Amino acid sequence: TDGSRSGEYCSYCFADGNFTSQMNFEQAVEVNLPFWREGFDNDDDARQKIREVFSQLKRWQNQN
């Protein structure tokens, strides 16, 4: 809440000491899909990669 940067979360997900959204893991995957589409053959491949990457992030540990 002191305005300093988080070493654990990006500024899109965490600001002012709180998460910026209360979405669940699958909602986060869908919200981020448009940003990940490029470079994948289809949306299912992009979703799979997002799930793989996001499942390693602290916010989503034991929540997916």
C-alpha atoms as a PDB file:
ATOM      1  CA  THR A   1       0.000   0.000   0.000  1.00  0.00           C
ATOM      2  CA  ASP A   2       3.040   2.277   0.139  1.00  0.00           C
ATOM      3  CA  GLY A   3       3.153   2.532  -3.660  1.00  0.00           C
ATOM      4  CA  SER A   4       6.327   0.512  -4.072  1.00  0.00           C
ATOM      5  CA  ARG A   5       6.697  -2.080  -6.812  1.00  0.00           C
ATOM      6  CA  SER A   6       5.974  -5.701  -6.105  1.00  0.00           C
ATOM      7  CA  GLY A   7       8.722  -8.208  -6.718  1.00  0.00           C
ATOM      8  CA  GLU A   8       6.150 -10.994  -6.944  1.00  0.00           C
ATOM      9  CA  TYR A   9       3.321  -9.633  -9.090  1.00  0.00           C
ATOM     10  CA  CYS A  10       3.040  -7.528 -12.236  1.00  0.00           C
ATOM     11  CA  SER A  11       1.419  -4.101 -12.160  1.00  0.00           C
ATOM     12  CA  TYR A  12      -1.584  -5.372 -14.143  1.00  0.00           C
ATOM     13  CA  CYS A  13      -2.431  -7.831 -11.380  1.00  0.00           C
ATOM     14  CA  PHE A  14      -1.312  -6.051  -8.235  1.00  0.00           C
ATOM     15  CA  ALA A  15      -1.381  -2.383  -7.256  1.00  0.00           C
ATOM     16  CA  ASP A  16      -1.550  -0.429  -4.025  1.00  0.00           C
ATOM     17  CA  GLY A  17      -1.117  -3.576  -1.960  1.00  0.00           C
ATOM     18  CA  ASN A  18      -4.043  -5.454  -3.505  1.00  0.00           C
ATOM     19  CA  PHE A  19      -4.911  -7.565  -6.511  1.00  0.00           C
ATOM     20  CA  THR A  20      -6.515  -5.429  -9.202  1.00  0.00           C
ATOM     21  CA  SER A  21      -9.125  -8.090  -9.951  1.00  0.00           C
ATOM     22  CA  GLN A  22     -10.782 -10.958  -8.130  1.00  0.00           C
ATOM     23  CA  MET A  23     -11.053 -13.183 -11.211  1.00  0.00           C
ATOM     24  CA  ASN A  24     -10.361 -16.884 -10.903  1.00  0.00           C
ATOM     25  CA  PHE A  25      -7.702 -18.824 -12.814  1.00  0.00           C
ATOM     26  CA  GLU A  26      -9.880 -19.713 -15.826  1.00  0.00           C
ATOM     27  CA  GLN A  27     -11.173 -16.156 -16.086  1.00  0.00           C
ATOM     28  CA  ALA A  28      -7.566 -14.926 -16.111  1.00  0.00           C
ATOM     29  CA  VAL A  29      -6.755 -17.375 -18.913  1.00  0.00           C
ATOM     30  CA  GLU A  30      -9.651 -16.086 -21.037  1.00  0.00           C
ATOM     31  CA  VAL A  31      -8.918 -12.413 -20.335  1.00  0.00           C
ATOM     32  CA  ASN A  32      -5.319 -12.924 -21.418  1.00  0.00           C
ATOM     33  CA  LEU A  33      -6.071 -15.013 -24.512  1.00  0.00           C
ATOM     34  CA  PRO A  34      -6.122 -12.052 -26.938  1.00  0.00           C
ATOM     35  CA  PHE A  35      -2.599 -11.107 -25.876  1.00  0.00           C
ATOM     36  CA  TRP A  36      -1.251 -14.641 -26.386  1.00  0.00           C
ATOM     37  CA  ARG A  37      -2.931 -15.622 -29.687  1.00  0.00           C
ATOM     38  CA  GLU A  38      -0.080 -14.537 -31.914  1.00  0.00           C
ATOM     39  CA  GLY A  39       2.374 -17.346 -32.451  1.00  0.00           C
ATOM     40  CA  PHE A  40      -0.097 -20.178 -31.872  1.00  0.00           C
ATOM     41  CA  ASP A  41      -2.021 -22.205 -34.421  1.00  0.00           C
ATOM     42  CA  ASN A  42      -5.301 -21.872 -32.551  1.00  0.00           C
ATOM     43  CA  ASP A  43      -6.883 -20.627 -29.334  1.00  0.00           C
ATOM     44  CA  ASP A  44      -6.704 -24.037 -27.654  1.00  0.00           C
ATOM     45  CA  ASP A  45      -2.916 -24.112 -28.051  1.00  0.00           C
ATOM     46  CA  ALA A  46      -2.665 -20.572 -26.689  1.00  0.00           C
ATOM     47  CA  ARG A  47      -4.907 -21.477 -23.722  1.00  0.00           C
ATOM     48  CA  GLN A  48      -2.767 -24.506 -22.948  1.00  0.00           C
ATOM     49  CA  LYS A  49       0.368 -22.353 -22.882  1.00  0.00           C
ATOM     50  CA  ILE A  50      -1.289 -19.689 -20.715  1.00  0.00           C
ATOM     51  CA  ARG A  51      -2.403 -22.355 -18.238  1.00  0.00           C
ATOM     52  CA  GLU A  52       1.120 -23.789 -18.181  1.00  0.00           C
ATOM     53  CA  VAL A  53       2.743 -20.404 -17.529  1.00  0.00           C
ATOM     54  CA  PHE A  54       0.120 -19.029 -15.145  1.00  0.00           C
ATOM     55  CA  SER A  55       0.084 -22.194 -13.031  1.00  0.00           C
ATOM     56  CA  GLN A  56       3.703 -21.391 -12.131  1.00  0.00           C
ATOM     57  CA  LEU A  57       2.858 -17.891 -10.869  1.00  0.00           C
ATOM     58  CA  LYS A  58       2.512 -17.373  -7.132  1.00  0.00           C
ATOM     59  CA  ARG A  59      -1.019 -15.990  -7.395  1.00  0.00           C
ATOM     60  CA  TRP A  60      -2.302 -19.165  -8.984  1.00  0.00           C
ATOM     61  CA  GLN A  61      -0.449 -21.746  -6.922  1.00  0.00           C
ATOM     62  CA  ASN A  62      -3.000 -24.255  -5.573  1.00  0.00           C
ATOM     63  CA  GLN A  63      -5.867 -22.308  -7.170  1.00  0.00           C
ATOM     64  CA  ASN A  64      -6.089 -23.755 -10.672  1.00  0.00           C
END
